[in-house]
């Protein structure tokens, strides 16, 4: 198998008309668009300064679409292991 770089272009997946993605609605976005991470993981990444650039709107944490796309596009994408789960060693 040749070495190909795997990638996901989140800019093509996330709707352009949505300018802000609110963290409290993350479970809905994860279901609708297949976004990775749980809301709690995103909160942890934010507290460590490793999440997408955040803003606060009316007391709610949100991410500009561009910042979120940039963050998601930087995530590594790999192929699943060919090892069978539960297979004898």
Protein backbone atom coordinates (compact mmCIF):
# COMPACT_ATOMS: atom_id res chain seq x y z
CA UNK A 1 0.00 0.00 0.00
CA UNK A 2 1.40 3.39 -0.89
CA UNK A 3 1.93 6.07 1.74
CA UNK A 4 -0.82 8.61 1.29
CA UNK A 5 -1.53 11.51 3.56
CA UNK A 6 -4.99 11.28 5.03
CA UNK A 7 -6.89 14.46 5.74
CA UNK A 8 -10.36 15.76 6.41
CA UNK A 9 -11.29 19.22 5.17
CA UNK A 10 -13.59 20.44 7.92
CA UNK A 11 -14.20 23.61 5.93
CA UNK A 12 -16.25 21.51 3.51
CA UNK A 13 -18.21 19.84 6.33
CA UNK A 14 -19.11 22.72 8.65
CA UNK A 15 -21.81 25.04 7.27
CA UNK A 16 -20.53 28.40 6.08
CA UNK A 17 -23.63 30.22 7.31
CA UNK A 18 -22.84 29.29 10.92
CA UNK A 19 -20.37 31.94 12.06
CA UNK A 20 -20.15 30.85 15.70
CA UNK A 21 -20.19 27.37 17.19
CA UNK A 22 -21.17 27.44 20.87
CA UNK A 23 -19.45 24.96 23.18
CA UNK A 24 -22.64 24.20 25.13
CA UNK A 25 -24.12 22.89 21.85
CA UNK A 26 -21.10 20.71 21.08
CA UNK A 27 -22.96 17.37 21.49
CA UNK A 28 -25.45 18.52 18.81
CA UNK A 29 -22.61 19.54 16.47
CA UNK A 30 -20.77 16.28 17.12
CA UNK A 31 -23.84 14.30 16.12
CA UNK A 32 -24.76 16.47 13.14
CA UNK A 33 -21.30 17.00 11.62
CA UNK A 34 -19.23 14.16 13.07
CA UNK A 35 -17.02 16.44 15.14
CA UNK A 36 -14.48 14.69 17.36
CA UNK A 37 -14.18 15.04 21.12
CA UNK A 38 -16.75 15.39 23.82
CA UNK A 39 -17.73 18.75 25.25
CA UNK A 40 -15.66 17.96 28.36
CA UNK A 41 -12.56 17.18 26.31
CA UNK A 42 -12.99 20.47 24.49
CA UNK A 43 -13.26 22.27 27.85
CA UNK A 44 -10.04 20.59 28.98
CA UNK A 45 -8.25 21.54 25.76
CA UNK A 46 -9.41 25.12 26.24
CA UNK A 47 -8.16 25.24 29.84
CA UNK A 48 -4.76 23.96 28.64
CA UNK A 49 -4.63 26.52 25.82
CA UNK A 50 -4.66 23.75 23.19
CA UNK A 51 -8.20 24.17 21.83
CA UNK A 52 -9.49 26.43 19.09
CA UNK A 53 -9.44 30.16 19.78
CA UNK A 54 -12.51 30.91 21.88
CA UNK A 55 -14.68 33.97 22.47
CA UNK A 56 -17.36 34.59 25.11
CA UNK A 57 -20.76 35.76 23.90
CA UNK A 58 -23.42 36.50 26.52
CA UNK A 59 -21.55 34.32 29.00
CA UNK A 60 -21.28 31.36 26.59
CA UNK A 61 -18.01 30.09 25.11
CA UNK A 62 -18.02 29.99 21.31
CA UNK A 63 -15.61 29.40 18.44
CA UNK A 64 -15.51 31.36 15.20
CA UNK A 65 -15.97 28.98 12.30
CA UNK A 66 -12.54 29.85 10.85
CA UNK A 67 -10.75 29.13 14.15
CA UNK A 68 -12.61 25.86 14.58
CA UNK A 69 -11.86 24.73 11.01
CA UNK A 70 -8.18 25.59 11.43
CA UNK A 71 -8.02 23.64 14.71
CA UNK A 72 -9.84 20.60 13.32
CA UNK A 73 -7.82 20.54 10.09
CA UNK A 74 -4.61 20.41 12.15
CA UNK A 75 -5.66 17.17 13.90
CA UNK A 76 -3.82 14.03 12.77
CA UNK A 77 -5.85 11.57 10.70
CA UNK A 78 -4.75 7.93 10.65
CA UNK A 79 -6.00 4.63 9.32
CA UNK A 80 -7.35 2.11 11.82
CA UNK A 81 -5.04 -0.68 12.86
CA UNK A 82 -5.37 -3.92 10.90
CA UNK A 83 -5.15 -5.88 14.16
CA UNK A 84 -8.43 -7.50 15.11
CA UNK A 85 -9.77 -6.48 18.45
CA UNK A 86 -9.82 -9.46 20.79
CA UNK A 87 -7.69 -11.62 18.48
CA UNK A 88 -5.29 -14.06 20.14
CA UNK A 89 -1.69 -12.91 20.13
